[in-house]
C-alpha atoms as a PDB file:
ATOM      1  CA  MET A   1      -0.281 -39.468  28.384  1.00  0.00           C
ATOM      2  CA  LYS A   2       1.659 -36.468  27.064  1.00  0.00           C
ATOM      3  CA  LYS A   3       4.256 -38.675  25.383  1.00  0.00           C
ATOM      4  CA  ILE A   4       1.566 -40.767  23.722  1.00  0.00           C
ATOM      5  CA  TYR A   5      -0.239 -37.680  22.462  1.00  0.00           C
ATOM      6  CA  ILE A   6       2.939 -36.265  20.904  1.00  0.00           C
ATOM      7  CA  LEU A   7       3.449 -39.591  19.105  1.00  0.00           C
ATOM      8  CA  LEU A   8      -0.122 -39.425  17.796  1.00  0.00           C
ATOM      9  CA  PHE A   9       0.443 -35.931  16.424  1.00  0.00           C
ATOM     10  CA  LEU A  10       3.683 -36.910  14.692  1.00  0.00           C
ATOM     11  CA  ALA A  11       2.119 -40.012  13.159  1.00  0.00           C
ATOM     12  CA  SER A  12      -0.883 -38.087  11.836  1.00  0.00           C
ATOM     13  CA  HIS A  13       1.323 -35.310  10.463  1.00  0.00           C
ATOM     14  CA  LEU A  14       3.501 -37.750   8.547  1.00  0.00           C
ATOM     15  CA  ILE A  15       0.497 -39.535   7.075  1.00  0.00           C
ATOM     16  CA  HIS A  16      -1.548 -36.526   6.013  1.00  0.00           C
ATOM     17  CA  SER A  17       1.156 -34.146   4.850  1.00  0.00           C
ATOM     18  CA  GLN A  18       1.272 -36.371   1.757  1.00  0.00           C
ATOM     19  CA  THR A  19      -2.368 -35.986   0.706  1.00  0.00           C
ATOM     20  CA  ASN A  20      -4.852 -33.158   0.322  1.00  0.00           C
ATOM     21  CA  ASN A  21      -8.072 -35.161   0.132  1.00  0.00           C
ATOM     22  CA  ALA A  22      -8.215 -36.644   3.634  1.00  0.00           C
ATOM     23  CA  HIS A  23      -7.584 -35.597   7.196  1.00  0.00           C
ATOM     24  CA  VAL A  24      -7.794 -37.279  10.614  1.00  0.00           C
ATOM     25  CA  VAL A  25      -8.511 -35.601  13.944  1.00  0.00           C
ATOM     26  CA  TYR A  26      -7.580 -37.454  17.146  1.00  0.00           C
ATOM     27  CA  PHE A  27      -9.360 -37.214  20.499  1.00  0.00           C
ATOM     28  CA  GLU A  28      -8.611 -37.853  24.135  1.00  0.00           C
ATOM     29  CA  THR A  29     -10.208 -40.801  25.955  1.00  0.00           C
ATOM     30  CA  GLY A  30     -13.958 -40.333  26.440  1.00  0.00           C
ATOM     31  CA  LYS A  31     -13.884 -36.782  24.995  1.00  0.00           C
ATOM     32  CA  TYR A  32     -15.453 -35.212  21.938  1.00  0.00           C
ATOM     33  CA  ASN A  33     -14.158 -31.661  22.297  1.00  0.00           C
ATOM     34  CA  VAL A  34     -11.340 -31.147  19.794  1.00  0.00           C
ATOM     35  CA  PRO A  35      -7.901 -30.784  21.463  1.00  0.00           C
ATOM     36  CA  GLU A  36      -6.236 -27.449  20.720  1.00  0.00           C
ATOM     37  CA  ILE A  37      -3.341 -28.887  18.709  1.00  0.00           C
ATOM     38  CA  GLU A  38      -5.768 -30.959  16.614  1.00  0.00           C
ATOM     39  CA  LYS A  39      -7.999 -27.916  16.122  1.00  0.00           C
ATOM     40  CA  ASN A  40      -5.042 -25.909  14.790  1.00  0.00           C
ATOM     41  CA  ARG A  41      -4.204 -28.688  12.322  1.00  0.00           C
ATOM     42  CA  LEU A  42      -7.837 -28.885  11.236  1.00  0.00           C
ATOM     43  CA  VAL A  43      -8.050 -25.122  10.686  1.00  0.00           C
ATOM     44  CA  LEU A  44      -5.021 -25.262   8.380  1.00  0.00           C
ATOM     45  CA  PHE A  45      -6.636 -28.135   6.478  1.00  0.00           C
ATOM     46  CA  VAL A  46      -9.980 -26.322   6.083  1.00  0.00           C
ATOM     47  CA  GLN A  47      -8.266 -23.137   4.919  1.00  0.00           C
ATOM     48  CA  SER A  48      -6.383 -25.108   2.268  1.00  0.00           C
ATOM     49  CA  LEU A  49      -9.703 -26.234   0.745  1.00  0.00           C
ATOM     50  CA  LYS A  50     -11.199 -22.828  -0.012  1.00  0.00           C
ATOM     51  CA  ASP A  51      -9.955 -22.617  -3.606  1.00  0.00           C
ATOM     52  CA  ILE A  52     -10.554 -26.253  -4.506  1.00  0.00           C
ATOM     53  CA  GLU A  53     -13.663 -27.492  -6.326  1.00  0.00           C
ATOM     54  CA  ILE A  54     -15.234 -29.944  -3.866  1.00  0.00           C
ATOM     55  CA  GLU A  55     -17.920 -32.443  -4.775  1.00  0.00           C
ATOM     56  CA  ARG A  56     -18.715 -33.646  -1.236  1.00  0.00           C
ATOM     57  CA  ILE A  57     -17.292 -33.970   2.280  1.00  0.00           C
ATOM     58  CA  SER A  58     -17.788 -37.016   4.512  1.00  0.00           C
ATOM     59  CA  ILE A  59     -17.114 -36.965   8.270  1.00  0.00           C
ATOM     60  CA  TYR A  60     -16.929 -40.256  10.196  1.00  0.00           C
ATOM     61  CA  GLY A  61     -16.397 -40.562  13.944  1.00  0.00           C
ATOM     62  CA  PHE A  62     -14.832 -43.519  15.779  1.00  0.00           C
ATOM     63  CA  THR A  63     -13.906 -44.643  19.296  1.00  0.00           C
ATOM     64  CA  ASP A  64     -11.550 -47.265  20.667  1.00  0.00           C
ATOM     65  CA  ASP A  65     -12.792 -50.648  21.910  1.00  0.00           C
ATOM     66  CA  ARG A  66     -13.640 -49.558  25.458  1.00  0.00           C
ATOM     67  CA  GLY A  67     -17.201 -48.706  26.488  1.00  0.00           C
ATOM     68  CA  THR A  68     -20.602 -50.155  25.595  1.00  0.00           C
ATOM     69  CA  ASP A  69     -21.912 -50.148  22.035  1.00  0.00           C
ATOM     70  CA  ASN A  70     -24.472 -47.396  22.768  1.00  0.00           C
ATOM     71  CA  TYR A  71     -21.902 -45.267  24.596  1.00  0.00           C
ATOM     72  CA  ASN A  72     -19.420 -45.575  21.720  1.00  0.00           C
ATOM     73  CA  LEU A  73     -22.015 -44.801  19.052  1.00  0.00           C
ATOM     74  CA  THR A  74     -23.060 -41.646  20.901  1.00  0.00           C
ATOM     75  CA  LEU A  75     -19.458 -40.561  21.534  1.00  0.00           C
ATOM     76  CA  SER A  76     -18.411 -41.170  17.929  1.00  0.00           C
ATOM     77  CA  GLN A  77     -21.426 -39.185  16.656  1.00  0.00           C
ATOM     78  CA  ASN A  78     -20.587 -36.296  19.009  1.00  0.00           C
ATOM     79  CA  ARG A  79     -17.019 -36.305  17.672  1.00  0.00           C
ATOM     80  CA  ALA A  80     -18.279 -36.153  14.077  1.00  0.00           C
ATOM     81  CA  ASN A  81     -20.698 -33.336  14.983  1.00  0.00           C
ATOM     82  CA  ALA A  82     -17.861 -31.362  16.616  1.00  0.00           C
ATOM     83  CA  ILE A  83     -15.857 -31.481  13.380  1.00  0.00           C
ATOM     84  CA  LYS A  84     -18.838 -30.430  11.257  1.00  0.00           C
ATOM     85  CA  LYS A  85     -19.358 -27.449  13.566  1.00  0.00           C
ATOM     86  CA  ILE A  86     -15.796 -26.295  12.928  1.00  0.00           C
ATOM     87  CA  PHE A  87     -16.252 -26.658   9.156  1.00  0.00           C
ATOM     88  CA  SER A  88     -19.448 -24.590   9.320  1.00  0.00           C
ATOM     89  CA  SER A  89     -17.788 -21.904  11.455  1.00  0.00           C
ATOM     90  CA  PHE A  90     -15.244 -21.366   8.661  1.00  0.00           C
ATOM     91  CA  GLY A  91     -17.944 -20.870   6.050  1.00  0.00           C
ATOM     92  CA  VAL A  92     -17.850 -24.302   4.422  1.00  0.00           C
ATOM     93  CA  ASP A  93     -21.192 -24.812   2.659  1.00  0.00           C
ATOM     94  CA  ASP A  94     -23.276 -27.313   4.656  1.00  0.00           C
ATOM     95  CA  ASN A  95     -24.639 -28.658   1.374  1.00  0.00           C
ATOM     96  CA  LEU A  96     -21.182 -30.036   0.586  1.00  0.00           C
ATOM     97  CA  ILE A  97     -21.179 -32.156   3.765  1.00  0.00           C
ATOM     98  CA  SER A  98     -23.008 -35.299   2.707  1.00  0.00           C
ATOM     99  CA  ASN A  99     -22.280 -37.533   5.719  1.00  0.00           C
ATOM    100  CA  VAL A 100     -21.757 -36.824   9.421  1.00  0.00           C
ATOM    101  CA  ASP A 101     -21.860 -40.271  11.000  1.00  0.00           C
ATOM    102  CA  GLY A 102     -20.694 -41.890  14.214  1.00  0.00           C
ATOM    103  CA  LYS A 103     -19.488 -45.415  13.493  1.00  0.00           C
ATOM    104  CA  GLY A 104     -18.815 -46.513  17.063  1.00  0.00           C
ATOM    105  CA  GLU A 105     -15.804 -48.547  18.143  1.00  0.00           C
ATOM    106  CA  ILE A 106     -12.853 -49.601  16.048  1.00  0.00           C
ATOM    107  CA  LEU A 107      -9.538 -51.188  17.003  1.00  0.00           C
ATOM    108  CA  LEU A 108      -7.233 -51.479  14.038  1.00  0.00           C
ATOM    109  CA  ARG A 109      -3.560 -52.309  14.479  1.00  0.00           C
ATOM    110  CA  ILE A 110      -2.561 -49.579  12.018  1.00  0.00           C
ATOM    111  CA  ILE A 111       0.995 -49.259  13.335  1.00  0.00           C
ATOM    112  CA  SER A 112       3.585 -51.823  14.360  1.00  0.00           C
ATOM    113  CA  SER A 113       3.379 -51.538  18.132  1.00  0.00           C
ATOM    114  CA  GLU A 114       2.630 -53.784  21.068  1.00  0.00           C
ATOM    115  CA  ASN A 115       1.523 -50.784  23.150  1.00  0.00           C
ATOM    116  CA  LEU A 116      -2.283 -51.059  23.292  1.00  0.00           C
ATOM    117  CA  ASN A 117      -2.610 -47.461  24.549  1.00  0.00           C
ATOM    118  CA  ILE A 118      -0.981 -46.104  21.379  1.00  0.00           C
ATOM    119  CA  ILE A 119      -3.148 -48.293  19.159  1.00  0.00           C
ATOM    120  CA  ARG A 120      -6.272 -47.184  21.007  1.00  0.00           C
ATOM    121  CA  GLY A 121      -5.183 -43.556  20.698  1.00  0.00           C
ATOM    122  CA  LEU A 122      -4.992 -43.863  16.916  1.00  0.00           C
ATOM    123  CA  ASN A 123      -8.537 -45.241  16.859  1.00  0.00           C
ATOM    124  CA  ARG A 124     -10.093 -42.365  18.849  1.00  0.00           C
ATOM    125  CA  LYS A 125     -10.579 -40.247  15.773  1.00  0.00           C
ATOM    126  CA  VAL A 126     -12.684 -38.577  13.133  1.00  0.00           C
ATOM    127  CA  GLU A 127     -11.865 -39.271   9.497  1.00  0.00           C
ATOM    128  CA  ILE A 128     -12.600 -36.501   6.990  1.00  0.00           C
ATOM    129  CA  ASN A 129     -12.785 -37.489   3.336  1.00  0.00           C
ATOM    130  CA  ILE A 130     -12.882 -34.885   0.578  1.00  0.00           C
ATOM    131  CA  GLU A 131     -14.161 -35.884  -2.855  1.00  0.00           C
ATOM    132  CA  TYR A 132     -13.189 -33.436  -5.567  1.00  0.00           C
ATOM    133  CA  ARG A 133     -15.065 -32.606  -8.723  1.00  0.00           C
ATOM    134  CA  LYS A 134     -13.752 -34.816 -11.517  1.00  0.00           C
ATOM    135  CA  VAL A 135     -12.423 -32.141 -13.827  1.00  0.00           C
ATOM    136  CA  VAL A 136      -9.059 -31.581 -15.381  1.00  0.00           C
ATOM    137  CA  GLU A 137      -8.693 -27.836 -15.217  1.00  0.00           C
ATOM    138  CA  LEU A 138     -10.642 -24.898 -13.791  1.00  0.00           C
ATOM    139  CA  LEU A 139     -11.081 -21.788 -15.875  1.00  0.00           C
ATOM    140  CA  GLU A 140     -10.531 -18.362 -14.375  1.00  0.00           C
ATOM    141  CA  GLU A 141     -13.528 -16.382 -13.219  1.00  0.00           C
ATOM    142  CA  PRO A 142     -14.448 -13.564 -15.628  1.00  0.00           C
ATOM    143  CA  GLU A 143     -13.924 -10.023 -14.386  1.00  0.00           C
ATOM    144  CA  GLU A 144     -17.620  -9.203 -14.677  1.00  0.00           C
ATOM    145  CA  GLU A 145     -20.537 -11.556 -14.201  1.00  0.00           C
ATOM    146  CA  LYS A 146     -23.044 -11.683 -17.047  1.00  0.00           C
ATOM    147  CA  ASN A 147     -26.730 -12.308 -16.417  1.00  0.00           C
ATOM    148  CA  ILE A 148     -28.286 -14.304 -19.219  1.00  0.00           C
ATOM    149  CA  ASN A 149     -32.018 -14.757 -19.590  1.00  0.00           C
ATOM    150  CA  VAL A 150     -32.303 -16.463 -22.996  1.00  0.00           C
ATOM    151  CA  GLY A 151     -30.283 -18.907 -25.019  1.00  0.00           C
ATOM    152  CA  PHE A 152     -28.592 -20.139 -21.886  1.00  0.00           C
ATOM    153  CA  LEU A 153     -26.505 -22.736 -23.714  1.00  0.00           C
ATOM    154  CA  ARG A 154     -24.910 -20.253 -26.064  1.00  0.00           C
ATOM    155  CA  ASP A 155     -21.395 -20.951 -27.266  1.00  0.00           C
ATOM    156  CA  ASP A 156     -20.007 -17.850 -25.537  1.00  0.00           C
ATOM    157  CA  LEU A 157     -20.943 -18.988 -22.018  1.00  0.00           C
ATOM    158  CA  ALA A 158     -18.141 -18.408 -19.503  1.00  0.00           C
ATOM    159  CA  VAL A 159     -17.385 -19.478 -15.952  1.00  0.00           C
ATOM    160  CA  GLY A 160     -19.220 -17.147 -13.580  1.00  0.00           C
ATOM    161  CA  ASP A 161     -22.181 -16.491 -15.888  1.00  0.00           C
ATOM    162  CA  LYS A 162     -25.479 -16.569 -14.043  1.00  0.00           C
ATOM    163  CA  ILE A 163     -28.587 -17.729 -15.864  1.00  0.00           C
ATOM    164  CA  THR A 164     -31.981 -16.629 -14.574  1.00  0.00           C
ATOM    165  CA  LEU A 165     -34.597 -19.246 -15.333  1.00  0.00           C
ATOM    166  CA  ASP A 166     -37.431 -16.741 -15.325  1.00  0.00           C
ATOM    167  CA  THR A 167     -39.895 -19.169 -16.904  1.00  0.00           C
ATOM    168  CA  ILE A 168     -39.447 -21.663 -14.038  1.00  0.00           C
ATOM    169  CA  LEU A 169     -42.030 -20.528 -11.484  1.00  0.00           C
ATOM    170  CA  PHE A 170     -42.882 -22.048  -8.106  1.00  0.00           C
ATOM    171  CA  LYS A 171     -46.134 -22.249  -6.198  1.00  0.00           C
ATOM    172  CA  THR A 172     -46.291 -19.721  -3.377  1.00  0.00           C
ATOM    173  CA  GLY A 173     -44.786 -21.248  -0.222  1.00  0.00           C
ATOM    174  CA  TYR A 174     -43.814 -24.525  -1.902  1.00  0.00           C
ATOM    175  CA  SER A 175     -40.880 -26.071  -3.734  1.00  0.00           C
ATOM    176  CA  ASN A 176     -43.220 -27.543  -6.359  1.00  0.00           C
ATOM    177  CA  LEU A 177     -43.247 -25.983  -9.796  1.00  0.00           C
ATOM    178  CA  GLU A 178     -46.245 -24.436 -11.470  1.00  0.00           C
ATOM    179  CA  LYS A 179     -47.606 -26.920 -14.009  1.00  0.00           C
ATOM    180  CA  GLU A 180     -46.665 -24.799 -17.026  1.00  0.00           C
ATOM    181  CA  SER A 181     -43.009 -24.779 -15.912  1.00  0.00           C
ATOM    182  CA  LEU A 182     -42.518 -28.554 -16.153  1.00  0.00           C
ATOM    183  CA  GLU A 183     -42.278 -28.533 -19.947  1.00  0.00           C
ATOM    184  CA  VAL A 184     -39.693 -25.764 -19.768  1.00  0.00           C
ATOM    185  CA  LEU A 185     -37.649 -27.782 -17.259  1.00  0.00           C
ATOM    186  CA  ASP A 186     -37.808 -30.806 -19.583  1.00  0.00           C
ATOM    187  CA  ASN A 187     -36.312 -28.683 -22.366  1.00  0.00           C
ATOM    188  CA  ILE A 188     -33.557 -27.429 -20.046  1.00  0.00           C
ATOM    189  CA  ALA A 189     -32.713 -31.007 -19.051  1.00  0.00           C
ATOM    190  CA  ALA A 190     -32.540 -32.052 -22.706  1.00  0.00           C
ATOM    191  CA  SER A 191     -30.188 -29.154 -23.462  1.00  0.00           C
ATOM    192  CA  LEU A 192     -27.932 -29.999 -20.526  1.00  0.00           C
ATOM    193  CA  LEU A 193     -27.702 -33.597 -21.681  1.00  0.00           C
ATOM    194  CA  LYS A 194     -26.296 -32.314 -24.966  1.00  0.00           C
ATOM    195  CA  ARG A 195     -23.865 -29.890 -23.308  1.00  0.00           C
ATOM    196  CA  LYS A 196     -21.932 -32.309 -21.078  1.00  0.00           C
ATOM    197  CA  ASP A 197     -19.090 -29.778 -20.819  1.00  0.00           C
ATOM    198  CA  ILE A 198     -21.058 -27.488 -18.494  1.00  0.00           C
ATOM    199  CA  TYR A 199     -20.800 -27.753 -14.684  1.00  0.00           C
ATOM    200  CA  PHE A 200     -23.022 -25.531 -12.575  1.00  0.00           C
ATOM    201  CA  THR A 201     -24.623 -24.595  -9.252  1.00  0.00           C
ATOM    202  CA  ILE A 202     -28.398 -24.350  -8.923  1.00  0.00           C
ATOM    203  CA  GLN A 203     -29.273 -21.349  -6.747  1.00  0.00           C
ATOM    204  CA  GLY A 204     -32.686 -21.179  -5.074  1.00  0.00           C
ATOM    205  CA  HIS A 205     -34.413 -17.910  -4.062  1.00  0.00           C
ATOM    206  CA  VAL A 206     -37.549 -16.806  -2.203  1.00  0.00           C
ATOM    207  CA  CYS A 207     -39.461 -13.582  -1.923  1.00  0.00           C
ATOM    208  CA  CYS A 208     -41.160 -11.561   0.750  1.00  0.00           C
ATOM    209  CA  THR A 209     -39.128 -12.296   3.887  1.00  0.00           C
ATOM    210  CA  VAL A 210     -37.352  -9.755   6.093  1.00  0.00           C
ATOM    211  CA  ASN A 211     -33.654  -9.508   6.961  1.00  0.00           C
ATOM    212  CA  SER A 212     -32.702 -11.819   4.063  1.00  0.00           C
ATOM    213  CA  ARG A 213     -34.301 -14.778   5.854  1.00  0.00           C
ATOM    214  CA  ASP A 214     -35.375 -17.968   4.195  1.00  0.00           C
ATOM    215  CA  ALA A 215     -39.070 -18.766   3.885  1.00  0.00           C
ATOM    216  CA  ILE A 216     -40.938 -21.729   5.363  1.00  0.00           C
ATOM    217  CA  ASP A 217     -41.650 -24.655   3.071  1.00  0.00           C
ATOM    218  CA  LYS A 218     -45.349 -25.306   3.703  1.00  0.00           C
ATOM    219  CA  LYS A 219     -44.918 -28.952   2.761  1.00  0.00           C
ATOM    220  CA  THR A 220     -42.281 -29.719   5.428  1.00  0.00           C
ATOM    221  CA  ALA A 221     -42.716 -26.740   7.813  1.00  0.00           C
ATOM    222  CA  LYS A 222     -38.948 -26.153   7.628  1.00  0.00           C
ATOM    223  CA  ARG A 223     -37.431 -22.722   7.028  1.00  0.00           C
ATOM    224  CA  ASN A 224     -35.374 -23.836   4.036  1.00  0.00           C
ATOM    225  CA  LEU A 225     -37.602 -23.071   1.063  1.00  0.00           C
ATOM    226  CA  SER A 226     -34.870 -21.602  -1.154  1.00  0.00           C
ATOM    227  CA  MET A 227     -32.710 -24.709  -0.773  1.00  0.00           C
ATOM    228  CA  ALA A 228     -35.744 -26.986  -1.232  1.00  0.00           C
ATOM    229  CA  ARG A 229     -36.470 -25.276  -4.540  1.00  0.00           C
ATOM    230  CA  ALA A 230     -32.892 -25.682  -5.724  1.00  0.00           C
ATOM    231  CA  LYS A 231     -32.928 -29.341  -4.662  1.00  0.00           C
ATOM    232  CA  TYR A 232     -36.198 -29.903  -6.542  1.00  0.00           C
ATOM    233  CA  ILE A 233     -34.505 -28.789  -9.770  1.00  0.00           C
ATOM    234  CA  TYR A 234     -31.390 -30.827  -8.914  1.00  0.00           C
ATOM    235  CA  ASP A 235     -33.405 -34.005  -8.296  1.00  0.00           C
ATOM    236  CA  TYR A 236     -35.481 -33.460 -11.450  1.00  0.00           C
ATOM    237  CA  LEU A 237     -32.371 -33.076 -13.613  1.00  0.00           C
ATOM    238  CA  VAL A 238     -30.850 -36.209 -12.051  1.00  0.00           C
ATOM    239  CA  LYS A 239     -33.989 -38.162 -13.000  1.00  0.00           C
ATOM    240  CA  LYS A 240     -33.627 -36.871 -16.550  1.00  0.00           C
ATOM    241  CA  GLY A 241     -30.065 -38.198 -16.742  1.00  0.00           C
ATOM    242  CA  VAL A 242     -27.875 -35.200 -15.889  1.00  0.00           C
ATOM    243  CA  LYS A 243     -24.851 -36.461 -13.933  1.00  0.00           C
ATOM    244  CA  ARG A 244     -24.717 -35.556 -10.241  1.00  0.00           C
ATOM    245  CA  ASN A 245     -21.037 -34.609 -10.384  1.00  0.00           C
ATOM    246  CA  ARG A 246     -21.879 -31.754 -12.767  1.00  0.00           C
ATOM    247  CA  MET A 247     -24.221 -30.067 -10.294  1.00  0.00           C
ATOM    248  CA  LYS A 248     -24.460 -28.556  -6.829  1.00  0.00           C
ATOM    249  CA  TYR A 249     -27.428 -26.808  -5.243  1.00  0.00           C
ATOM    250  CA  VAL A 250     -27.637 -24.017  -2.659  1.00  0.00           C
ATOM    251  CA  GLY A 251     -30.344 -21.896  -1.054  1.00  0.00           C
ATOM    252  CA  LEU A 252     -29.725 -18.125  -1.128  1.00  0.00           C
ATOM    253  CA  LYS A 253     -32.834 -17.181   0.897  1.00  0.00           C
ATOM    254  CA  ASN A 254     -34.096 -13.642   0.146  1.00  0.00           C
ATOM    255  CA  LYS A 255     -30.658 -12.092  -0.248  1.00  0.00           C
ATOM    256  CA  TYR A 256     -31.010 -11.092  -3.900  1.00  0.00           C
ATOM    257  CA  PRO A 257     -34.524  -9.791  -4.725  1.00  0.00           C
ATOM    258  CA  LEU A 258     -35.067  -8.725  -8.328  1.00  0.00           C
ATOM    259  CA  GLY A 259     -37.731  -6.142  -7.596  1.00  0.00           C
ATOM    260  CA  GLY A 260     -41.050  -5.903  -9.416  1.00  0.00           C
ATOM    261  CA  ALA A 261     -43.534  -8.773  -9.296  1.00  0.00           C
ATOM    262  CA  THR A 262     -42.852 -11.052  -6.344  1.00  0.00           C
ATOM    263  CA  LYS A 263     -43.421 -14.199  -8.414  1.00  0.00           C
ATOM    264  CA  TYR A 264     -40.071 -13.585 -10.110  1.00  0.00           C
ATOM    265  CA  ASP A 265     -38.288 -13.802  -6.772  1.00  0.00           C
ATOM    266  CA  ARG A 266     -39.674 -17.322  -6.356  1.00  0.00           C
ATOM    267  CA  ARG A 267     -36.999 -18.492  -8.732  1.00  0.00           C
ATOM    268  CA  VAL A 268     -33.907 -20.524  -9.434  1.00  0.00           C
ATOM    269  CA  GLU A 269     -30.755 -19.485 -11.233  1.00  0.00           C
ATOM    270  CA  ILE A 270     -27.909 -21.494 -12.681  1.00  0.00           C
ATOM    271  CA  LYS A 271     -24.351 -20.276 -12.167  1.00  0.00           C
ATOM    272  CA  ILE A 272     -21.690 -21.754 -14.429  1.00  0.00           C
ATOM    273  CA  THR A 273     -18.776 -23.046 -12.323  1.00  0.00           C
ATOM    274  CA  TYR A 274     -16.754 -24.919 -14.917  1.00  0.00           C
ATOM    275  CA  ILE A 275     -16.669 -25.561 -18.656  1.00  0.00           C
ATOM    276  CA  SER A 276     -14.555 -28.491 -19.747  1.00  0.00           C
ATOM    277  CA  LYS A 277     -12.456 -28.329 -22.877  1.00  0.00           C
ATOM    278  CA  LYS A 278     -14.194 -29.607 -25.970  1.00  0.00           C
ATOM    279  CA  ASN A 279     -12.481 -32.336 -27.943  1.00  0.00           C
END
């Protein structure tokens, strides 16, 4: 088994040293804990992603052809979950991970070998696919972040600028907007459709929780209200025609209160992450 495992490592190293948008982690028979040598390779891969603009991450688990269908589906899902846990432990935003799926058994003859054990070993795996933001060049972050409250599509916008949408107000305890805010959001969507050069992250906030915790969304009973608010804006802009690959959304809980009236902490902000070159 040792000789086979060394062959697996060498094969995976040769394949994936040539690309930076995919990675494969191999597992021992019937196991979903990540072997130490594979964990070290994965850590290096995750660390190499920290300065890259990522659109989404997909994690797919597989097994070889042995075992029942139910057993293999469960094992492959556990393998995918184990990889996601490692990503999360290194601070990778969970919102970037769009798929964590166990696909069950697979037996592909992906190398020229008559040794079934080697072929099976290459099928006991998790495939990680990284999809990057489709941009040509990232601009440098400005030295100081500017907070902009009006005219948020001004010509002098720069990467890193944070725009407080202080006229977008949410109902207390919900991710739904106050009625008077819908017209404002329509105007924002129309402006963003004109400025296709702007890429951004929608940041959701809540008020009135302790220890920077998130609040409970009364609609779903989940403690993720800040993210639910950001996703509400994201989904609304998508419906209005703003391209998904221009946007991300995150929940920042109650980490950044503004002070004053609590209704202004029930807010979203837009942070500019990229501005493409104008023709």
